[in-house]
Structures are given as structure tokens and as C-alpha cells.
């Protein structure tokens, strides 16, 4: 079974804006900086906004199955609804 064949229940959707992503190095919360739509998964990228961490070392990518991605369904034109990279 492919992830795109899954028929989600309304309460099983994932809203990326409801998640908090914390850096494993500096323990601060990371900021959503990028969104990349995909065929089976949408990829959301988070980075630290401080002088302690270098993004290439602490960048976090979260993959959300397209069929469960509530945020991308609500904002299909931009994915991040203008929120990526705006801190």
C-alpha cells in the first residue's frame, strides 16, 4: 500500500504549525524556514536562529505524508502561507 492510498480520518491529520521542533545541540526551538512539496511527502525545514548553531549542522527536516498534511491542504498555494523564513 502506498502512502497516497491512505484515507485519513479528520482527527488524524497533521498540522505542521502545531509542532514544536527543538534543536538537539542548543536546546532552543527552531523556526520553520522552508517548505518543499513532494509526490508522497511534503518536507518542512527548520533551523536555529542564533549565533550558536550553524544551519548546515543543526537543520531539521520533517517529512509529512501528503494525505495527512492538513497545513498544506489549507494553504496549497504557498505551503507556508508566507510563514517560512519570516521568524
C-alpha atoms as a PDB file:
ATOM      1  CA  UNK A   1       0.000   0.000   0.000  1.00  0.00           C
ATOM      2  CA  UNK A   2       1.297   3.424  -0.950  1.00  0.00           C
ATOM      3  CA  UNK A   3       1.069   6.378   1.461  1.00  0.00           C
ATOM      4  CA  UNK A   4      -1.116   8.204  -1.087  1.00  0.00           C
ATOM      5  CA  UNK A   5      -3.714   5.406  -0.869  1.00  0.00           C
ATOM      6  CA  UNK A   6      -4.394   6.121   2.814  1.00  0.00           C
ATOM      7  CA  UNK A   7      -7.751   7.763   3.540  1.00  0.00           C
ATOM      8  CA  UNK A   8      -7.181   9.749   6.758  1.00  0.00           C
ATOM      9  CA  UNK A   9      -9.773  10.344   9.415  1.00  0.00           C
ATOM     10  CA  UNK A  10     -10.338  14.083  10.083  1.00  0.00           C
ATOM     11  CA  UNK A  11      -8.730  13.883  13.533  1.00  0.00           C
ATOM     12  CA  UNK A  12      -5.635  12.050  12.237  1.00  0.00           C
ATOM     13  CA  UNK A  13      -4.367  14.956  10.136  1.00  0.00           C
ATOM     14  CA  UNK A  14      -1.010  16.607  10.936  1.00  0.00           C
ATOM     15  CA  UNK A  15      -0.779  20.391  11.147  1.00  0.00           C
ATOM     16  CA  UNK A  16       2.901  21.333  10.991  1.00  0.00           C
ATOM     17  CA  UNK A  17       2.126  24.593  12.826  1.00  0.00           C
ATOM     18  CA  UNK A  18       1.079  22.569  15.882  1.00  0.00           C
ATOM     19  CA  UNK A  19       4.565  21.056  16.255  1.00  0.00           C
ATOM     20  CA  UNK A  20       7.493  22.452  18.216  1.00  0.00           C
ATOM     21  CA  UNK A  21      10.920  21.473  16.930  1.00  0.00           C
ATOM     22  CA  UNK A  22      13.795  21.815  19.389  1.00  0.00           C
ATOM     23  CA  UNK A  23      17.485  21.751  18.471  1.00  0.00           C
ATOM     24  CA  UNK A  24      19.384  18.810  19.928  1.00  0.00           C
ATOM     25  CA  UNK A  25      22.525  20.912  20.227  1.00  0.00           C
ATOM     26  CA  UNK A  26      21.467  24.211  21.816  1.00  0.00           C
ATOM     27  CA  UNK A  27      18.009  23.207  23.140  1.00  0.00           C
ATOM     28  CA  UNK A  28      16.282  26.252  21.612  1.00  0.00           C
ATOM     29  CA  UNK A  29      13.226  25.967  19.413  1.00  0.00           C
ATOM     30  CA  UNK A  30      13.842  26.058  15.695  1.00  0.00           C
ATOM     31  CA  UNK A  31      11.999  28.206  13.162  1.00  0.00           C
ATOM     32  CA  UNK A  32      10.265  26.958  10.033  1.00  0.00           C
ATOM     33  CA  UNK A  33      12.410  28.235   7.152  1.00  0.00           C
ATOM     34  CA  UNK A  34      11.398  26.250   4.058  1.00  0.00           C
ATOM     35  CA  UNK A  35       8.722  24.071   2.520  1.00  0.00           C
ATOM     36  CA  UNK A  36       9.135  21.656  -0.380  1.00  0.00           C
ATOM     37  CA  UNK A  37       6.089  19.824  -1.742  1.00  0.00           C
ATOM     38  CA  UNK A  38       6.602  16.255  -2.858  1.00  0.00           C
ATOM     39  CA  UNK A  39       4.777  13.381  -4.504  1.00  0.00           C
ATOM     40  CA  UNK A  40       4.291  11.330  -1.351  1.00  0.00           C
ATOM     41  CA  UNK A  41       5.663  13.593   1.367  1.00  0.00           C
ATOM     42  CA  UNK A  42       5.941  17.337   1.972  1.00  0.00           C
ATOM     43  CA  UNK A  43       9.221  18.403   3.566  1.00  0.00           C
ATOM     44  CA  UNK A  44       9.372  21.209   6.138  1.00  0.00           C
ATOM     45  CA  UNK A  45      12.810  22.560   7.097  1.00  0.00           C
ATOM     46  CA  UNK A  46      13.592  24.117  10.480  1.00  0.00           C
ATOM     47  CA  UNK A  47      16.725  25.998  11.571  1.00  0.00           C
ATOM     48  CA  UNK A  48      18.060  27.674  14.704  1.00  0.00           C
ATOM     49  CA  UNK A  49      18.049  31.455  14.705  1.00  0.00           C
ATOM     50  CA  UNK A  50      21.008  32.097  16.944  1.00  0.00           C
ATOM     51  CA  UNK A  51      24.775  32.510  16.735  1.00  0.00           C
ATOM     52  CA  UNK A  52      25.426  29.190  18.477  1.00  0.00           C
ATOM     53  CA  UNK A  53      24.359  26.761  15.744  1.00  0.00           C
ATOM     54  CA  UNK A  54      25.292  26.617  12.097  1.00  0.00           C
ATOM     55  CA  UNK A  55      22.259  25.680   9.949  1.00  0.00           C
ATOM     56  CA  UNK A  56      24.175  23.066   7.966  1.00  0.00           C
ATOM     57  CA  UNK A  57      24.904  21.204  11.228  1.00  0.00           C
ATOM     58  CA  UNK A  58      21.582  21.522  13.041  1.00  0.00           C
ATOM     59  CA  UNK A  59      18.972  21.848  10.273  1.00  0.00           C
ATOM     60  CA  UNK A  60      15.942  19.635  10.878  1.00  0.00           C
ATOM     61  CA  UNK A  61      13.736  18.296   8.121  1.00  0.00           C
ATOM     62  CA  UNK A  62      10.285  16.938   8.901  1.00  0.00           C
ATOM     63  CA  UNK A  63       8.534  14.821   6.270  1.00  0.00           C
ATOM     64  CA  UNK A  64       4.736  14.753   6.438  1.00  0.00           C
ATOM     65  CA  UNK A  65       2.717  12.377   4.239  1.00  0.00           C
ATOM     66  CA  UNK A  66       0.768  14.470   1.711  1.00  0.00           C
ATOM     67  CA  UNK A  67      -2.505  12.745   2.582  1.00  0.00           C
ATOM     68  CA  UNK A  68      -2.097  13.686   6.268  1.00  0.00           C
ATOM     69  CA  UNK A  69      -0.727  17.223   5.776  1.00  0.00           C
ATOM     70  CA  UNK A  70      -3.528  19.476   6.977  1.00  0.00           C
ATOM     71  CA  UNK A  71      -1.473  22.673   6.753  1.00  0.00           C
ATOM     72  CA  UNK A  72      -0.551  22.133   3.082  1.00  0.00           C
ATOM     73  CA  UNK A  73      -4.195  21.349   2.272  1.00  0.00           C
ATOM     74  CA  UNK A  74      -5.345  24.605   3.848  1.00  0.00           C
ATOM     75  CA  UNK A  75      -2.623  26.643   2.123  1.00  0.00           C
ATOM     76  CA  UNK A  76      -1.905  24.859  -1.170  1.00  0.00           C
ATOM     77  CA  UNK A  77      -0.696  27.985  -2.944  1.00  0.00           C
ATOM     78  CA  UNK A  78       2.288  28.596  -0.669  1.00  0.00           C
ATOM     79  CA  UNK A  79       2.689  25.705   1.755  1.00  0.00           C
ATOM     80  CA  UNK A  80       3.970  28.003   4.466  1.00  0.00           C
ATOM     81  CA  UNK A  81       1.372  30.724   3.893  1.00  0.00           C
ATOM     82  CA  UNK A  82       4.160  33.302   3.882  1.00  0.00           C
ATOM     83  CA  UNK A  83       5.479  31.998   7.207  1.00  0.00           C
ATOM     84  CA  UNK A  84       8.645  30.249   6.092  1.00  0.00           C
ATOM     85  CA  UNK A  85      11.740  32.213   6.897  1.00  0.00           C
ATOM     86  CA  UNK A  86       9.891  35.111   8.491  1.00  0.00           C
ATOM     87  CA  UNK A  87      10.898  34.178  12.053  1.00  0.00           C
END
